[in-house]
């Protein structure tokens, strides 16, 4: 449907569809609130989660999808072109890709995700979810805006949960694909310059999960802001909430990269063994040639390439020794942490108002 109305471009660019799914329900919500004469209430900090889910999280879901799809295709092409997947294994890889596409395009997972979203919406009030707009609150039912509140609870919140569960399903598909790839007869190279035996592009793929991480962090920060503004939580609740977000990010987006760890570990161990044996043979030959008894027929040391070859061999062994068994770098960790931390920074204003911060800044700047 999105393709037919021009909201999906090139079959993978769904950013416009995400904006439509987020902005249109939000506009309807605003109109209903204005009709009920409660427009001022929808912009209070106690309902900031409404705007965060519709205007930020939902578009970010589709932005992540649009950025990620080309990188997933590039990952497959990279491991094929570099012959990490040898020619005789490529039919098996193509079969796995076809299976993933069938599951991805099937209506059954979407229907199951929608059913799960509806069930979650029904029982959310019994789960004690944090935030004032995350579930139906019977104690506030009498004072809630009837039309706008029902539209948000029945349509908007269910739509958000459907898209969230749909993303969890797709993350599960990605994990399954990586697991199936790990079972193939891969041709991993321990001396590959990417330090992950030729699988370094996985880090590029996972770097494009940052919009999804931002969406998760935005929603969590918004729910905490609702509780802080209504006095349901103290400022110190920020720290466990941030820790929870970091744990979720680690499990969902770093966890899949550990699926290939057994293969990478085996590659590193075999590479160290092979290169140690090879290095021992080379060093023994080098010692016999250059450190043995001098002979009249020995070639001059000046200008020989043996010393450079010995140094190159040492560099190759160092590459194998430093090979990572998980395609995770400090740069990727930094990107994840900063993305998860960014939405929590505005919460500092609950403890340090802007006016007070400005006064302290100028006082220190001028020394007054």
Protein backbone atom coordinates (compact mmCIF):
# COMPACT_ATOMS: atom_id res chain seq x y z
CA UNK A 1 0.00 0.00 0.00
CA UNK A 2 2.87 2.33 0.80
CA UNK A 3 4.39 1.66 -2.60
CA UNK A 4 1.11 2.34 -4.37
CA UNK A 5 0.68 5.78 -2.78
CA UNK A 6 4.33 6.69 -3.37
CA UNK A 7 5.50 6.51 0.24
CA UNK A 8 8.00 3.70 -0.44
CA UNK A 9 10.86 4.35 -2.84
CA UNK A 10 13.18 1.76 -4.40
CA UNK A 11 11.41 -0.98 -2.39
CA UNK A 12 13.57 -0.28 0.68
CA UNK A 13 13.29 3.47 1.37
CA UNK A 14 10.36 3.58 3.79
CA UNK A 15 11.15 6.86 5.57
CA UNK A 16 8.10 8.63 4.11
CA UNK A 17 5.88 5.74 5.16
CA UNK A 18 7.24 6.01 8.71
CA UNK A 19 6.58 9.74 8.79
CA UNK A 20 3.03 9.19 7.56
CA UNK A 21 2.33 6.47 10.12
CA UNK A 22 3.62 8.71 12.89
CA UNK A 23 2.41 12.18 11.90
CA UNK A 24 -1.11 11.35 10.63
CA UNK A 25 -2.26 9.61 13.86
CA UNK A 26 -0.64 12.45 15.83
CA UNK A 27 -2.54 15.09 13.83
CA UNK A 28 -5.82 13.24 14.39
CA UNK A 29 -5.01 13.10 18.10
CA UNK A 30 -4.40 16.86 18.16
CA UNK A 31 -7.66 17.59 16.34
CA UNK A 32 -9.64 15.42 18.77
CA UNK A 33 -7.96 17.12 21.74
CA UNK A 34 -8.83 20.58 20.34
CA UNK A 35 -12.42 19.52 19.74
CA UNK A 36 -12.64 18.48 23.40
CA UNK A 37 -11.09 21.80 24.45
CA UNK A 38 -8.05 20.14 26.00
CA UNK A 39 -5.33 21.23 23.60
CA UNK A 40 -3.22 22.60 26.44
CA UNK A 41 -3.08 19.21 28.15
CA UNK A 42 -1.46 17.36 25.24
CA UNK A 43 1.64 19.53 25.43
CA UNK A 44 2.31 19.08 29.14
CA UNK A 45 5.39 17.10 30.27
CA UNK A 46 3.13 14.45 31.77
CA UNK A 47 2.16 13.20 28.27
CA UNK A 48 5.45 13.74 26.46
CA UNK A 49 5.59 10.02 25.73
CA UNK A 50 2.71 10.44 23.27
CA UNK A 51 4.76 12.77 21.08
CA UNK A 52 7.92 10.73 21.52
CA UNK A 53 6.28 7.53 20.27
CA UNK A 54 4.44 9.05 17.31
CA UNK A 55 6.76 11.81 16.09
CA UNK A 56 10.15 10.28 16.91
CA UNK A 57 10.08 6.53 17.56
CA UNK A 58 7.86 5.43 14.65
CA UNK A 59 9.77 7.44 11.99
CA UNK A 60 13.05 6.20 13.48
CA UNK A 61 11.85 2.60 13.10
CA UNK A 62 11.48 3.11 9.36
CA UNK A 63 14.64 5.19 9.05
CA UNK A 64 16.58 2.29 10.53
CA UNK A 65 14.89 -0.10 8.11
CA UNK A 66 15.76 2.13 5.14
CA UNK A 67 19.41 2.49 6.16
CA UNK A 68 19.86 -1.14 7.09
CA UNK A 69 18.41 -2.93 4.06
CA UNK A 70 21.15 -1.86 1.58
CA UNK A 71 23.87 -2.75 4.12
CA UNK A 72 22.49 -6.24 4.61
CA UNK A 73 22.61 -6.79 0.85
CA UNK A 74 26.14 -5.37 0.75
CA UNK A 75 27.22 -7.75 3.52
CA UNK A 76 26.07 -10.73 1.49
CA UNK A 77 27.80 -9.43 -1.65
CA UNK A 78 30.98 -8.73 0.31
CA UNK A 79 31.35 -12.23 1.75
CA UNK A 80 30.64 -13.68 -1.71
CA UNK A 81 33.05 -11.43 -3.63
CA UNK A 82 35.81 -11.94 -1.07
CA UNK A 83 35.16 -15.71 -1.21
CA UNK A 84 34.57 -15.94 2.52
CA UNK A 85 31.69 -17.98 1.15
CA UNK A 86 33.44 -20.19 -1.45
CA UNK A 87 31.74 -20.83 -4.81
CA UNK A 88 30.67 -24.35 -3.85
CA UNK A 89 28.87 -22.98 -0.75
CA UNK A 90 27.06 -20.13 -2.50
CA UNK A 91 23.98 -22.22 -3.46
CA UNK A 92 23.44 -22.99 0.24
CA UNK A 93 23.78 -19.28 1.06
CA UNK A 94 21.27 -18.37 -1.63
CA UNK A 95 18.84 -20.92 -0.22
CA UNK A 96 19.13 -19.34 3.24
CA UNK A 97 18.57 -15.86 1.78
CA UNK A 98 15.47 -17.08 -0.08
CA UNK A 99 14.13 -18.57 3.17
CA UNK A 100 14.68 -15.33 5.06
CA UNK A 101 12.92 -13.34 2.32
CA UNK A 102 9.92 -15.68 2.45
CA UNK A 103 9.60 -15.25 6.20
CA UNK A 104 10.18 -11.50 6.00
CA UNK A 105 7.50 -10.97 3.34
CA UNK A 106 4.98 -13.37 4.85
CA UNK A 107 1.80 -11.94 6.33
CA UNK A 108 1.82 -14.44 9.20
CA UNK A 109 4.54 -12.69 11.30
CA UNK A 110 2.82 -9.32 10.81
CA UNK A 111 -0.51 -10.80 11.87
CA UNK A 112 1.12 -12.40 14.91
CA UNK A 113 2.82 -9.09 15.78
CA UNK A 114 -0.49 -7.24 15.53
CA UNK A 115 -2.19 -9.84 17.73
CA UNK A 116 0.62 -9.56 20.28
CA UNK A 117 0.30 -5.76 20.23
CA UNK A 118 -3.45 -5.97 20.87
CA UNK A 119 -2.97 -8.46 23.72
CA UNK A 120 -0.25 -6.27 25.22
CA UNK A 121 -2.51 -3.24 25.03
CA UNK A 122 -5.28 -5.14 26.83
CA UNK A 123 -3.08 -6.34 29.68
CA UNK A 124 -0.62 -3.41 29.82
CA UNK A 125 -2.37 -1.84 32.80
CA UNK A 126 -1.64 -4.99 34.83
CA UNK A 127 2.08 -5.01 33.96
CA UNK A 128 2.92 -1.79 35.86
CA UNK A 129 4.73 -0.24 32.90
CA UNK A 130 6.51 3.00 33.79
CA UNK A 131 5.23 6.27 32.37
CA UNK A 132 1.79 7.87 32.44
CA UNK A 133 0.97 7.23 28.76
CA UNK A 134 2.21 3.65 28.40
CA UNK A 135 -1.04 1.98 29.44
CA UNK A 136 -4.64 2.62 30.40
CA UNK A 137 -4.92 3.94 33.94
CA UNK A 138 -8.36 3.27 35.51
CA UNK A 139 -7.73 5.84 38.25
CA UNK A 140 -7.46 8.60 35.65
CA UNK A 141 -10.23 7.37 33.37
CA UNK A 142 -12.80 9.86 34.64
CA UNK A 143 -10.59 12.87 33.93
CA UNK A 144 -9.03 11.65 30.67
CA UNK A 145 -10.03 13.18 27.32
CA UNK A 146 -12.54 10.69 25.98
CA UNK A 147 -12.11 10.83 22.19
CA UNK A 148 -8.43 11.75 22.11
CA UNK A 149 -7.60 9.32 24.89
CA UNK A 150 -9.41 6.43 23.24
CA UNK A 151 -7.78 7.22 19.88
CA UNK A 152 -4.37 7.18 21.47
CA UNK A 153 -4.89 4.03 23.54
CA UNK A 154 -6.67 1.97 20.88
CA UNK A 155 -4.97 3.12 17.67
CA UNK A 156 -1.73 5.02 18.32
CA UNK A 157 -0.36 2.89 21.15
CA UNK A 158 -1.31 -0.35 19.42
CA UNK A 159 0.35 0.83 16.20
CA UNK A 160 3.55 1.68 18.09
CA UNK A 161 3.61 -1.69 19.82
CA UNK A 162 2.92 -3.50 16.55
CA UNK A 163 5.90 -1.82 14.90
CA UNK A 164 8.09 -2.50 17.93
CA UNK A 165 7.20 -6.21 18.00
CA UNK A 166 7.66 -6.34 14.23
CA UNK A 167 11.21 -5.08 14.71
CA UNK A 168 11.87 -7.72 17.36
CA UNK A 169 10.78 -10.35 14.82
CA UNK A 170 13.17 -8.93 12.23
CA UNK A 171 16.02 -8.92 14.73
CA UNK A 172 15.22 -12.58 15.35
CA UNK A 173 15.40 -13.23 11.60
CA UNK A 174 18.79 -11.53 11.45
CA UNK A 175 20.08 -13.67 14.31
CA UNK A 176 18.78 -16.80 12.59
CA UNK A 177 20.50 -15.80 9.34
CA UNK A 178 23.81 -15.23 11.09
CA UNK A 179 23.47 -18.59 12.81
CA UNK A 180 22.85 -20.32 9.49
CA UNK A 181 25.82 -18.50 7.94
CA UNK A 182 28.00 -19.69 10.81
CA UNK A 183 27.11 -23.27 9.90
CA UNK A 184 28.33 -22.89 6.31
CA UNK A 185 31.78 -23.98 5.18
CA UNK A 186 33.27 -20.50 5.41
CA UNK A 187 36.76 -19.68 4.20
CA UNK A 188 37.91 -17.41 7.01
CA UNK A 189 41.34 -15.79 6.80
CA UNK A 190 43.06 -15.13 10.16
CA UNK A 191 45.43 -12.59 8.58
CA UNK A 192 42.65 -10.54 6.99
CA UNK A 193 43.36 -6.80 7.57
CA UNK A 194 39.87 -6.20 9.02
CA UNK A 195 41.02 -8.26 12.06
CA UNK A 196 37.85 -10.38 11.94
CA UNK A 197 38.86 -12.97 9.31
CA UNK A 198 36.91 -11.23 6.53
CA UNK A 199 33.68 -10.57 8.45
CA UNK A 200 34.50 -6.97 9.33
CA UNK A 201 31.58 -5.58 7.31
CA UNK A 202 29.28 -6.90 10.03
CA UNK A 203 30.37 -3.95 12.13
CA UNK A 204 29.24 -1.58 9.36
CA UNK A 205 25.86 -3.33 9.28
CA UNK A 206 25.35 -3.01 13.03
CA UNK A 207 26.44 0.63 13.02
CA UNK A 208 23.19 1.35 11.13
CA UNK A 209 21.07 0.07 14.02
CA UNK A 210 21.64 3.41 15.77
CA UNK A 211 18.23 4.90 14.72
CA UNK A 212 16.51 1.94 16.37
CA UNK A 213 18.64 2.37 19.49
CA UNK A 214 17.74 6.06 19.51
CA UNK A 215 14.03 5.18 19.27
CA UNK A 216 14.28 2.82 22.24
CA UNK A 217 16.17 5.38 24.30
CA UNK A 218 13.79 8.21 23.35
CA UNK A 219 10.74 6.24 24.52
CA UNK A 220 12.42 5.22 27.77
CA UNK A 221 13.55 8.79 28.47
CA UNK A 222 10.06 10.11 27.69
CA UNK A 223 8.42 7.66 30.09
CA UNK A 224 10.87 8.69 32.80
CA UNK A 225 10.19 12.37 32.08
CA UNK A 226 6.46 11.74 32.58
CA UNK A 227 7.08 10.21 35.99
CA UNK A 228 9.50 12.96 37.02
CA UNK A 229 7.05 15.71 36.02
CA UNK A 230 4.18 14.11 37.94
CA UNK A 231 6.24 13.28 41.03
CA UNK A 232 5.95 9.53 40.57
CA UNK A 233 9.74 9.14 40.43
CA UNK A 234 12.81 10.90 41.78
CA UNK A 235 15.70 12.17 39.70
CA UNK A 236 17.89 9.25 40.84
CA UNK A 237 15.63 6.92 38.80
CA UNK A 238 17.54 8.08 35.72
CA UNK A 239 20.54 5.88 36.54
CA UNK A 240 18.81 2.47 36.62
CA UNK A 241 16.72 3.46 33.59
CA UNK A 242 19.86 4.32 31.61
CA UNK A 243 21.52 1.11 32.77
CA UNK A 244 18.47 -0.85 31.59
CA UNK A 245 18.65 0.79 28.16
CA UNK A 246 22.35 -0.06 27.85
CA UNK A 247 21.67 -3.69 28.80
CA UNK A 248 18.85 -3.93 26.24
CA UNK A 249 21.07 -2.39 23.57
CA UNK A 250 23.88 -4.83 24.36
CA UNK A 251 21.55 -7.84 24.19
CA UNK A 252 19.67 -6.84 21.05
CA UNK A 253 22.41 -5.29 18.93
CA UNK A 254 25.72 -6.65 20.22
CA UNK A 255 24.44 -10.11 21.12
CA UNK A 256 23.92 -11.24 17.50
CA UNK A 257 27.57 -10.57 16.73
CA UNK A 258 28.58 -13.27 19.23
CA UNK A 259 26.86 -15.90 17.09
CA UNK A 260 29.95 -16.09 14.87
CA UNK A 261 32.37 -16.13 17.80
CA UNK A 262 32.91 -19.93 17.80
CA UNK A 263 33.91 -19.86 14.12
CA UNK A 264 36.18 -16.85 14.60
CA UNK A 265 37.77 -18.41 17.68
CA UNK A 266 38.47 -21.63 15.80
CA UNK A 267 39.92 -19.61 12.92
CA UNK A 268 42.22 -17.71 15.29
CA UNK A 269 43.42 -20.87 17.03
CA UNK A 270 44.10 -22.65 13.73
CA UNK A 271 45.77 -19.56 12.31
CA UNK A 272 48.12 -19.27 15.29
CA UNK A 273 49.04 -22.94 14.99
CA UNK A 274 49.64 -22.78 11.23
CA UNK A 275 51.66 -19.58 11.33
CA UNK A 276 53.71 -20.71 14.33
CA UNK A 277 54.71 -23.88 12.48
CA UNK A 278 55.38 -21.92 9.30
CA UNK A 279 57.35 -19.29 11.25
CA UNK A 280 59.45 -21.92 12.99
CA UNK A 281 60.42 -23.43 9.65
CA UNK A 282 61.33 -20.04 8.24
CA UNK A 283 63.34 -18.99 11.29
CA UNK A 284 65.24 -22.29 11.32
CA UNK A 285 66.15 -21.79 7.68
CA UNK A 286 67.11 -18.17 8.34
CA UNK A 287 69.39 -19.14 11.23
CA UNK A 288 71.12 -21.84 9.22
CA UNK A 289 71.68 -19.49 6.30
CA UNK A 290 72.78 -16.33 8.10
CA UNK A 291 73.85 -17.30 11.63
CA UNK A 292 75.63 -20.55 10.84
CA UNK A 293 79.29 -20.93 10.03
CA UNK A 294 80.30 -18.38 7.35
CA UNK A 295 81.20 -19.85 4.01
CA UNK A 296 82.85 -18.43 0.94
CA UNK A 297 79.69 -18.93 -1.12
CA UNK A 298 77.31 -17.14 1.23
CA UNK A 299 75.58 -14.16 -0.43
CA UNK A 300 76.17 -10.69 1.05
CA UNK A 301 73.79 -9.60 3.82
CA UNK A 302 73.47 -6.08 2.42
CA UNK A 303 70.47 -5.85 0.09
CA UNK A 304 68.99 -9.26 0.94
CA UNK A 305 65.19 -9.55 1.22
CA UNK A 306 65.36 -12.22 3.92
CA UNK A 307 65.31 -9.69 6.74
CA UNK A 308 62.23 -7.96 5.33
CA UNK A 309 60.51 -11.32 4.88
CA UNK A 310 61.28 -12.15 8.52
CA UNK A 311 59.74 -8.84 9.61
CA UNK A 312 56.66 -9.42 7.41
CA UNK A 313 56.22 -12.86 8.95
CA UNK A 314 56.30 -11.33 12.42
CA UNK A 315 53.66 -8.78 11.38
CA UNK A 316 51.45 -11.57 10.01
CA UNK A 317 51.65 -13.49 13.28
CA UNK A 318 50.82 -10.29 15.18
CA UNK A 319 47.71 -9.80 13.02
CA UNK A 320 46.57 -13.35 13.84
CA UNK A 321 47.31 -12.87 17.54
CA UNK A 322 45.32 -9.60 17.62
CA UNK A 323 42.42 -10.98 15.59
CA UNK A 324 39.03 -10.22 17.21
CA UNK A 325 36.69 -13.13 17.83
CA UNK A 326 33.72 -10.74 17.90
CA UNK A 327 33.31 -8.08 15.17
CA UNK A 328 32.93 -5.29 17.72
CA UNK A 329 35.23 -2.29 17.89
CA UNK A 330 35.53 0.55 20.38
CA UNK A 331 34.07 2.89 17.76
CA UNK A 332 30.88 0.82 17.53
CA UNK A 333 30.59 0.68 21.33
CA UNK A 334 31.06 4.44 21.53
CA UNK A 335 28.35 5.05 18.92
CA UNK A 336 25.91 2.80 20.79
CA UNK A 337 26.59 4.39 24.18
CA UNK A 338 26.33 7.96 22.89
CA UNK A 339 23.11 7.18 20.99
CA UNK A 340 21.55 5.61 24.09
CA UNK A 341 22.73 8.45 26.33
CA UNK A 342 21.63 11.40 24.15
CA UNK A 343 17.85 11.32 24.90
CA UNK A 344 18.54 11.22 28.65
CA UNK A 345 20.49 14.50 28.65
CA UNK A 346 17.38 16.76 28.64
CA UNK A 347 16.26 15.04 31.85
CA UNK A 348 19.05 16.91 33.63
CA UNK A 349 16.84 20.00 33.37
CA UNK A 350 14.56 18.47 36.02
CA UNK A 351 17.39 18.87 38.51
CA UNK A 352 19.35 21.71 36.92
CA UNK A 353 16.99 24.30 35.38
CA UNK A 354 18.32 26.30 32.44
CA UNK A 355 18.21 29.58 34.33
CA UNK A 356 20.28 28.19 37.20
CA UNK A 357 22.78 26.64 34.80
CA UNK A 358 23.15 29.90 32.89
CA UNK A 359 23.64 31.85 36.12
CA UNK A 360 26.33 29.46 37.35
CA UNK A 361 28.05 29.50 33.96
CA UNK A 362 28.28 33.29 33.77
CA UNK A 363 29.26 33.50 37.44
CA UNK A 364 32.22 31.20 36.84
CA UNK A 365 33.03 32.89 33.55
CA UNK A 366 33.16 36.38 35.07
CA UNK A 367 34.45 35.31 38.48
CA UNK A 368 31.64 37.15 40.28
